[in-house]
């Protein structure tokens, strides 16, 4: 088993957190094409928004020892991201793990595998993202696991300290060295323009005339006709 010391990660300042909270992962998806976890990993609760820094954990199929340790080490604002190394049968997160994480003011938990105790999770209210539910739980064996290392979750490499944005639509991982400011500005502009676009649609405008769709189709038709000559 391996536990690495917390590195000097860039922390989310109040201003940065507010910026991230103002946009949805789906809006950022118009401007970024990587970092999105597989849609198998979805919110177990409704109407959630998570913004925080990744605190990573790797476990084997049926040992939850390192998950318990990670919850005990996590700090306020952390998002615990768990690599289940391919296991889809055992739930390593349930009522007590989520309750403990909530007392430490963890921002959320993301699991590349199932969770359990859904009724209790709804009562606690801490955002949990998982592939589904399972009544088969992990045990405390102390066999293997890692904390604060680079992991895989939902098909995405997650490093300790990566920025996590998640809501009911899915999970986005942003590396710390990414020029996220530029992406956020584009996403914020898209969010601000939506009410104007809706007004134009209500007034009778077509969506394709407001986007590049008509131009792209016209360009395709022109090239097709040129090739037919």
C-alpha atoms as a PDB file:
ATOM      1  CA  UNK A   1       0.000   0.000   0.000  1.00  0.00           C
ATOM      2  CA  UNK A   2       1.252   3.475  -0.824  1.00  0.00           C
ATOM      3  CA  UNK A   3       0.353   6.919   0.528  1.00  0.00           C
ATOM      4  CA  UNK A   4       2.183   9.884  -0.977  1.00  0.00           C
ATOM      5  CA  UNK A   5       2.433  13.226   0.763  1.00  0.00           C
ATOM      6  CA  UNK A   6       0.135  15.927  -0.509  1.00  0.00           C
ATOM      7  CA  UNK A   7       1.937  17.967  -3.119  1.00  0.00           C
ATOM      8  CA  UNK A   8       1.793  21.742  -3.280  1.00  0.00           C
ATOM      9  CA  UNK A   9      -1.258  21.811  -5.531  1.00  0.00           C
ATOM     10  CA  UNK A  10      -2.753  25.019  -6.806  1.00  0.00           C
ATOM     11  CA  UNK A  11      -5.809  25.671  -4.677  1.00  0.00           C
ATOM     12  CA  UNK A  12      -9.125  27.026  -5.855  1.00  0.00           C
ATOM     13  CA  UNK A  13      -9.370  30.613  -4.683  1.00  0.00           C
ATOM     14  CA  UNK A  14     -12.863  31.992  -3.913  1.00  0.00           C
ATOM     15  CA  UNK A  15     -12.769  33.877  -7.218  1.00  0.00           C
ATOM     16  CA  UNK A  16     -11.766  30.761  -9.193  1.00  0.00           C
ATOM     17  CA  UNK A  17     -14.396  28.661  -7.450  1.00  0.00           C
ATOM     18  CA  UNK A  18     -17.073  31.231  -8.273  1.00  0.00           C
ATOM     19  CA  UNK A  19     -16.039  31.180 -11.933  1.00  0.00           C
ATOM     20  CA  UNK A  20     -16.247  27.401 -12.107  1.00  0.00           C
ATOM     21  CA  UNK A  21     -19.601  27.389 -10.351  1.00  0.00           C
ATOM     22  CA  UNK A  22     -21.054  29.764 -12.941  1.00  0.00           C
ATOM     23  CA  UNK A  23     -20.613  27.346 -15.849  1.00  0.00           C
ATOM     24  CA  UNK A  24     -21.737  23.787 -16.532  1.00  0.00           C
ATOM     25  CA  UNK A  25     -19.486  20.958 -17.754  1.00  0.00           C
ATOM     26  CA  UNK A  26     -21.796  20.645 -20.771  1.00  0.00           C
ATOM     27  CA  UNK A  27     -21.154  24.287 -21.698  1.00  0.00           C
ATOM     28  CA  UNK A  28     -17.399  23.815 -21.375  1.00  0.00           C
ATOM     29  CA  UNK A  29     -17.882  20.790 -23.645  1.00  0.00           C
ATOM     30  CA  UNK A  30     -18.522  23.180 -26.542  1.00  0.00           C
ATOM     31  CA  UNK A  31     -14.958  24.448 -26.182  1.00  0.00           C
ATOM     32  CA  UNK A  32     -12.996  21.496 -24.780  1.00  0.00           C
ATOM     33  CA  UNK A  33     -12.858  17.966 -26.167  1.00  0.00           C
ATOM     34  CA  UNK A  34     -11.058  15.990 -23.469  1.00  0.00           C
ATOM     35  CA  UNK A  35     -11.127  15.515 -19.696  1.00  0.00           C
ATOM     36  CA  UNK A  36     -14.747  14.334 -19.585  1.00  0.00           C
ATOM     37  CA  UNK A  37     -15.369  11.104 -17.713  1.00  0.00           C
ATOM     38  CA  UNK A  38     -17.371   8.317 -19.303  1.00  0.00           C
ATOM     39  CA  UNK A  39     -21.122   8.869 -18.971  1.00  0.00           C
ATOM     40  CA  UNK A  40     -21.334   5.622 -16.990  1.00  0.00           C
ATOM     41  CA  UNK A  41     -20.286   7.729 -14.011  1.00  0.00           C
ATOM     42  CA  UNK A  42     -23.320   9.776 -13.068  1.00  0.00           C
ATOM     43  CA  UNK A  43     -24.708  11.629 -10.085  1.00  0.00           C
ATOM     44  CA  UNK A  44     -26.561   9.506  -7.550  1.00  0.00           C
ATOM     45  CA  UNK A  45     -28.423  12.630  -6.362  1.00  0.00           C
ATOM     46  CA  UNK A  46     -30.344  15.304  -8.238  1.00  0.00           C
ATOM     47  CA  UNK A  47     -29.554  18.976  -8.734  1.00  0.00           C
ATOM     48  CA  UNK A  48     -25.927  18.838  -7.616  1.00  0.00           C
ATOM     49  CA  UNK A  49     -22.889  20.945  -8.517  1.00  0.00           C
ATOM     50  CA  UNK A  50     -19.386  20.022  -7.415  1.00  0.00           C
ATOM     51  CA  UNK A  51     -16.298  22.208  -7.743  1.00  0.00           C
ATOM     52  CA  UNK A  52     -13.077  21.182  -6.035  1.00  0.00           C
ATOM     53  CA  UNK A  53      -9.611  19.658  -6.272  1.00  0.00           C
ATOM     54  CA  UNK A  54      -8.987  15.948  -6.798  1.00  0.00           C
ATOM     55  CA  UNK A  55      -7.835  13.783  -3.903  1.00  0.00           C
ATOM     56  CA  UNK A  56      -7.047  10.483  -5.561  1.00  0.00           C
ATOM     57  CA  UNK A  57      -7.424   6.902  -4.328  1.00  0.00           C
ATOM     58  CA  UNK A  58      -6.777   3.533  -5.995  1.00  0.00           C
ATOM     59  CA  UNK A  59      -8.187   0.307  -4.558  1.00  0.00           C
ATOM     60  CA  UNK A  60      -8.419  -3.321  -5.585  1.00  0.00           C
ATOM     61  CA  UNK A  61     -11.685  -5.169  -6.115  1.00  0.00           C
ATOM     62  CA  UNK A  62     -12.767  -5.926  -2.560  1.00  0.00           C
ATOM     63  CA  UNK A  63     -10.500  -3.967  -0.180  1.00  0.00           C
ATOM     64  CA  UNK A  64     -11.731  -0.592   1.092  1.00  0.00           C
ATOM     65  CA  UNK A  65      -8.872   0.070   3.539  1.00  0.00           C
ATOM     66  CA  UNK A  66      -7.426   2.950   1.521  1.00  0.00           C
ATOM     67  CA  UNK A  67     -10.838   4.501   0.955  1.00  0.00           C
ATOM     68  CA  UNK A  68     -11.303   4.758   4.730  1.00  0.00           C
ATOM     69  CA  UNK A  69      -7.822   6.273   5.053  1.00  0.00           C
ATOM     70  CA  UNK A  70      -8.427   8.727   2.215  1.00  0.00           C
ATOM     71  CA  UNK A  71     -11.640   9.979   3.815  1.00  0.00           C
ATOM     72  CA  UNK A  72      -9.687  10.493   7.033  1.00  0.00           C
ATOM     73  CA  UNK A  73      -6.995  12.529   5.231  1.00  0.00           C
ATOM     74  CA  UNK A  74      -9.212  14.553   2.885  1.00  0.00           C
ATOM     75  CA  UNK A  75      -9.541  18.270   3.486  1.00  0.00           C
ATOM     76  CA  UNK A  76     -12.346  20.766   2.985  1.00  0.00           C
ATOM     77  CA  UNK A  77     -13.042  21.310  -0.712  1.00  0.00           C
ATOM     78  CA  UNK A  78     -11.398  18.068  -1.834  1.00  0.00           C
ATOM     79  CA  UNK A  79     -13.177  15.792  -4.297  1.00  0.00           C
ATOM     80  CA  UNK A  80     -12.308  12.175  -3.517  1.00  0.00           C
ATOM     81  CA  UNK A  81     -11.802  10.365  -6.836  1.00  0.00           C
ATOM     82  CA  UNK A  82     -11.626   6.564  -6.611  1.00  0.00           C
ATOM     83  CA  UNK A  83     -10.052   4.230  -9.174  1.00  0.00           C
ATOM     84  CA  UNK A  84     -11.652   0.790  -8.729  1.00  0.00           C
ATOM     85  CA  UNK A  85      -9.124  -0.852 -11.089  1.00  0.00           C
ATOM     86  CA  UNK A  86     -11.886  -2.315 -13.223  1.00  0.00           C
ATOM     87  CA  UNK A  87     -14.143  -3.749 -10.517  1.00  0.00           C
ATOM     88  CA  UNK A  88     -17.849  -3.219 -11.201  1.00  0.00           C
ATOM     89  CA  UNK A  89     -19.264  -5.539  -8.539  1.00  0.00           C
ATOM     90  CA  UNK A  90     -18.248  -4.254  -5.089  1.00  0.00           C
ATOM     91  CA  UNK A  91     -19.396  -0.953  -3.567  1.00  0.00           C
ATOM     92  CA  UNK A  92     -16.530   0.746  -1.714  1.00  0.00           C
ATOM     93  CA  UNK A  93     -18.631   3.760  -0.681  1.00  0.00           C
ATOM     94  CA  UNK A  94     -21.750   3.670   1.457  1.00  0.00           C
ATOM     95  CA  UNK A  95     -23.413   5.471   4.340  1.00  0.00           C
ATOM     96  CA  UNK A  96     -20.510   5.619   6.801  1.00  0.00           C
ATOM     97  CA  UNK A  97     -17.878   6.618   4.235  1.00  0.00           C
ATOM     98  CA  UNK A  98     -20.104   9.401   2.919  1.00  0.00           C
ATOM     99  CA  UNK A  99     -21.057  10.498   6.427  1.00  0.00           C
ATOM    100  CA  UNK A 100     -17.371  10.694   7.400  1.00  0.00           C
ATOM    101  CA  UNK A 101     -16.531  12.631   4.224  1.00  0.00           C
ATOM    102  CA  UNK A 102     -19.358  15.045   4.919  1.00  0.00           C
ATOM    103  CA  UNK A 103     -18.033  15.792   8.414  1.00  0.00           C
ATOM    104  CA  UNK A 104     -14.715  16.772   6.821  1.00  0.00           C
ATOM    105  CA  UNK A 105     -16.523  19.105   4.382  1.00  0.00           C
ATOM    106  CA  UNK A 106     -15.417  17.138   1.333  1.00  0.00           C
ATOM    107  CA  UNK A 107     -16.982  18.592  -1.835  1.00  0.00           C
ATOM    108  CA  UNK A 108     -17.932  15.229  -3.344  1.00  0.00           C
ATOM    109  CA  UNK A 109     -16.964  11.643  -4.117  1.00  0.00           C
ATOM    110  CA  UNK A 110     -16.470  10.160  -7.593  1.00  0.00           C
ATOM    111  CA  UNK A 111     -16.180   6.391  -8.043  1.00  0.00           C
ATOM    112  CA  UNK A 112     -15.324   4.356 -11.110  1.00  0.00           C
ATOM    113  CA  UNK A 113     -17.654   1.661  -9.801  1.00  0.00           C
ATOM    114  CA  UNK A 114     -20.865   1.293  -7.783  1.00  0.00           C
ATOM    115  CA  UNK A 115     -21.870   2.702  -4.411  1.00  0.00           C
ATOM    116  CA  UNK A 116     -24.485   1.529  -1.908  1.00  0.00           C
ATOM    117  CA  UNK A 117     -26.921   2.755   0.801  1.00  0.00           C
ATOM    118  CA  UNK A 118     -28.655   5.126  -1.602  1.00  0.00           C
ATOM    119  CA  UNK A 119     -31.396   6.111   0.854  1.00  0.00           C
ATOM    120  CA  UNK A 120     -28.810   7.213   3.420  1.00  0.00           C
ATOM    121  CA  UNK A 121     -26.796   9.010   0.745  1.00  0.00           C
ATOM    122  CA  UNK A 122     -29.867  11.024  -0.185  1.00  0.00           C
ATOM    123  CA  UNK A 123     -30.389  12.008   3.447  1.00  0.00           C
ATOM    124  CA  UNK A 124     -26.763  13.072   3.911  1.00  0.00           C
ATOM    125  CA  UNK A 125     -26.821  15.057   0.681  1.00  0.00           C
ATOM    126  CA  UNK A 126     -23.106  14.874  -0.184  1.00  0.00           C
ATOM    127  CA  UNK A 127     -22.754  14.590  -3.978  1.00  0.00           C
ATOM    128  CA  UNK A 128     -21.690  11.089  -5.001  1.00  0.00           C
ATOM    129  CA  UNK A 129     -20.986  10.047  -8.587  1.00  0.00           C
ATOM    130  CA  UNK A 130     -20.845   6.348  -9.422  1.00  0.00           C
ATOM    131  CA  UNK A 131     -21.622   3.821 -12.144  1.00  0.00           C
ATOM    132  CA  UNK A 132     -24.652   2.554 -10.235  1.00  0.00           C
ATOM    133  CA  UNK A 133     -25.660   0.710  -7.083  1.00  0.00           C
ATOM    134  CA  UNK A 134     -24.623  -2.602  -5.560  1.00  0.00           C
ATOM    135  CA  UNK A 135     -25.493  -4.417  -2.313  1.00  0.00           C
ATOM    136  CA  UNK A 136     -22.114  -6.203  -2.379  1.00  0.00           C
ATOM    137  CA  UNK A 137     -19.623  -4.197  -0.350  1.00  0.00           C
ATOM    138  CA  UNK A 138     -15.854  -4.178  -0.018  1.00  0.00           C
ATOM    139  CA  UNK A 139     -14.106  -5.302   3.185  1.00  0.00           C
ATOM    140  CA  UNK A 140     -11.167  -4.121   5.290  1.00  0.00           C
ATOM    141  CA  UNK A 141      -8.309  -6.425   4.287  1.00  0.00           C
ATOM    142  CA  UNK A 142      -5.313  -4.081   4.120  1.00  0.00           C
ATOM    143  CA  UNK A 143      -4.084  -5.766   0.946  1.00  0.00           C
ATOM    144  CA  UNK A 144      -3.290  -2.956  -1.459  1.00  0.00           C
ATOM    145  CA  UNK A 145      -4.133   0.541  -2.592  1.00  0.00           C
ATOM    146  CA  UNK A 146      -2.693   3.986  -3.247  1.00  0.00           C
ATOM    147  CA  UNK A 147      -3.473   7.526  -2.137  1.00  0.00           C
ATOM    148  CA  UNK A 148      -2.415  10.766  -3.839  1.00  0.00           C
ATOM    149  CA  UNK A 149      -1.099   9.105  -7.007  1.00  0.00           C
ATOM    150  CA  UNK A 150      -2.158   9.441 -10.643  1.00  0.00           C
ATOM    151  CA  UNK A 151      -5.199   7.230 -11.266  1.00  0.00           C
ATOM    152  CA  UNK A 152      -7.719   6.351 -13.969  1.00  0.00           C
ATOM    153  CA  UNK A 153     -11.383   7.158 -13.437  1.00  0.00           C
ATOM    154  CA  UNK A 154     -14.066   7.065 -16.098  1.00  0.00           C
ATOM    155  CA  UNK A 155     -11.443   6.746 -18.819  1.00  0.00           C
ATOM    156  CA  UNK A 156      -9.603   9.890 -17.710  1.00  0.00           C
ATOM    157  CA  UNK A 157      -6.218  10.194 -16.018  1.00  0.00           C
ATOM    158  CA  UNK A 158      -6.653  12.115 -12.767  1.00  0.00           C
ATOM    159  CA  UNK A 159      -3.716  13.628 -10.910  1.00  0.00           C
ATOM    160  CA  UNK A 160      -3.818  14.871  -7.319  1.00  0.00           C
ATOM    161  CA  UNK A 161      -4.913  18.504  -7.348  1.00  0.00           C
ATOM    162  CA  UNK A 162      -6.624  18.455 -10.746  1.00  0.00           C
ATOM    163  CA  UNK A 163      -9.705  20.665 -10.852  1.00  0.00           C
ATOM    164  CA  UNK A 164     -13.004  18.791 -10.828  1.00  0.00           C
ATOM    165  CA  UNK A 165     -16.281  20.215 -12.122  1.00  0.00           C
ATOM    166  CA  UNK A 166     -19.307  17.940 -11.948  1.00  0.00           C
ATOM    167  CA  UNK A 167     -23.079  18.175 -12.055  1.00  0.00           C
ATOM    168  CA  UNK A 168     -26.048  16.031 -13.057  1.00  0.00           C
ATOM    169  CA  UNK A 169     -24.722  15.947 -16.639  1.00  0.00           C
ATOM    170  CA  UNK A 170     -21.335  14.448 -15.814  1.00  0.00           C
ATOM    171  CA  UNK A 171     -17.783  14.955 -14.589  1.00  0.00           C
ATOM    172  CA  UNK A 172     -14.980  17.066 -16.049  1.00  0.00           C
ATOM    173  CA  UNK A 173     -11.307  16.892 -15.021  1.00  0.00           C
ATOM    174  CA  UNK A 174      -9.137  19.941 -15.734  1.00  0.00           C
ATOM    175  CA  UNK A 175      -5.348  19.583 -15.347  1.00  0.00           C
ATOM    176  CA  UNK A 176      -3.779  22.326 -13.254  1.00  0.00           C
ATOM    177  CA  UNK A 177      -1.456  23.367 -16.080  1.00  0.00           C
ATOM    178  CA  UNK A 178      -4.325  23.863 -18.548  1.00  0.00           C
ATOM    179  CA  UNK A 179      -5.163  27.394 -19.679  1.00  0.00           C
ATOM    180  CA  UNK A 180      -8.561  27.060 -18.049  1.00  0.00           C
ATOM    181  CA  UNK A 181      -9.055  30.836 -17.879  1.00  0.00           C
ATOM    182  CA  UNK A 182      -9.497  31.069 -21.635  1.00  0.00           C
ATOM    183  CA  UNK A 183     -11.893  28.101 -21.648  1.00  0.00           C
ATOM    184  CA  UNK A 184     -13.912  29.555 -18.781  1.00  0.00           C
ATOM    185  CA  UNK A 185     -14.231  32.902 -20.542  1.00  0.00           C
ATOM    186  CA  UNK A 186     -15.596  31.183 -23.659  1.00  0.00           C
ATOM    187  CA  UNK A 187     -18.003  29.102 -21.573  1.00  0.00           C
ATOM    188  CA  UNK A 188     -19.184  32.156 -19.640  1.00  0.00           C
ATOM    189  CA  UNK A 189     -19.841  33.970 -22.929  1.00  0.00           C
ATOM    190  CA  UNK A 190     -21.904  31.007 -24.142  1.00  0.00           C
ATOM    191  CA  UNK A 191     -23.924  31.061 -20.924  1.00  0.00           C
ATOM    192  CA  UNK A 192     -24.557  34.810 -21.236  1.00  0.00           C
ATOM    193  CA  UNK A 193     -25.657  34.493 -24.881  1.00  0.00           C
ATOM    194  CA  UNK A 194     -28.228  31.749 -24.248  1.00  0.00           C
ATOM    195  CA  UNK A 195     -31.101  34.080 -23.192  1.00  0.00           C
ATOM    196  CA  UNK A 196     -30.542  36.194 -26.334  1.00  0.00           C
ATOM    197  CA  UNK A 197     -30.560  33.105 -28.548  1.00  0.00           C
ATOM    198  CA  UNK A 198     -33.778  31.888 -26.943  1.00  0.00           C
ATOM    199  CA  UNK A 199     -35.414  35.261 -27.646  1.00  0.00           C
ATOM    200  CA  UNK A 200     -34.360  35.001 -31.288  1.00  0.00           C
ATOM    201  CA  UNK A 201     -35.825  31.492 -31.522  1.00  0.00           C
ATOM    202  CA  UNK A 202     -39.069  32.723 -29.958  1.00  0.00           C
ATOM    203  CA  UNK A 203     -39.143  35.464 -32.599  1.00  0.00           C
ATOM    204  CA  UNK A 204     -39.034  32.879 -35.392  1.00  0.00           C
ATOM    205  CA  UNK A 205     -35.348  32.524 -36.146  1.00  0.00           C
ATOM    206  CA  UNK A 206     -34.166  29.014 -36.961  1.00  0.00           C
ATOM    207  CA  UNK A 207     -31.345  27.436 -34.974  1.00  0.00           C
ATOM    208  CA  UNK A 208     -29.333  26.554 -38.068  1.00  0.00           C
ATOM    209  CA  UNK A 209     -29.382  30.194 -39.248  1.00  0.00           C
ATOM    210  CA  UNK A 210     -28.012  31.334 -35.882  1.00  0.00           C
ATOM    211  CA  UNK A 211     -25.179  28.830 -35.839  1.00  0.00           C
ATOM    212  CA  UNK A 212     -22.685  27.674 -38.460  1.00  0.00           C
ATOM    213  CA  UNK A 213     -24.971  24.842 -39.556  1.00  0.00           C
ATOM    214  CA  UNK A 214     -26.408  26.618 -42.632  1.00  0.00           C
ATOM    215  CA  UNK A 215     -22.966  27.817 -43.685  1.00  0.00           C
ATOM    216  CA  UNK A 216     -21.441  24.361 -43.325  1.00  0.00           C
ATOM    217  CA  UNK A 217     -24.255  22.733 -45.303  1.00  0.00           C
ATOM    218  CA  UNK A 218     -23.964  25.349 -48.053  1.00  0.00           C
ATOM    219  CA  UNK A 219     -20.202  24.816 -48.190  1.00  0.00           C
ATOM    220  CA  UNK A 220     -20.680  21.053 -48.401  1.00  0.00           C
ATOM    221  CA  UNK A 221     -23.235  21.427 -51.219  1.00  0.00           C
ATOM    222  CA  UNK A 222     -20.913  23.744 -53.129  1.00  0.00           C
ATOM    223  CA  UNK A 223     -17.983  21.326 -52.823  1.00  0.00           C
ATOM    224  CA  UNK A 224     -20.216  18.379 -53.806  1.00  0.00           C
ATOM    225  CA  UNK A 225     -21.425  20.175 -56.937  1.00  0.00           C
ATOM    226  CA  UNK A 226     -17.869  21.153 -57.802  1.00  0.00           C
ATOM    227  CA  UNK A 227     -16.767  17.526 -57.570  1.00  0.00           C
ATOM    228  CA  UNK A 228     -19.681  16.415 -59.762  1.00  0.00           C
ATOM    229  CA  UNK A 229     -18.600  18.672 -62.622  1.00  0.00           C
END
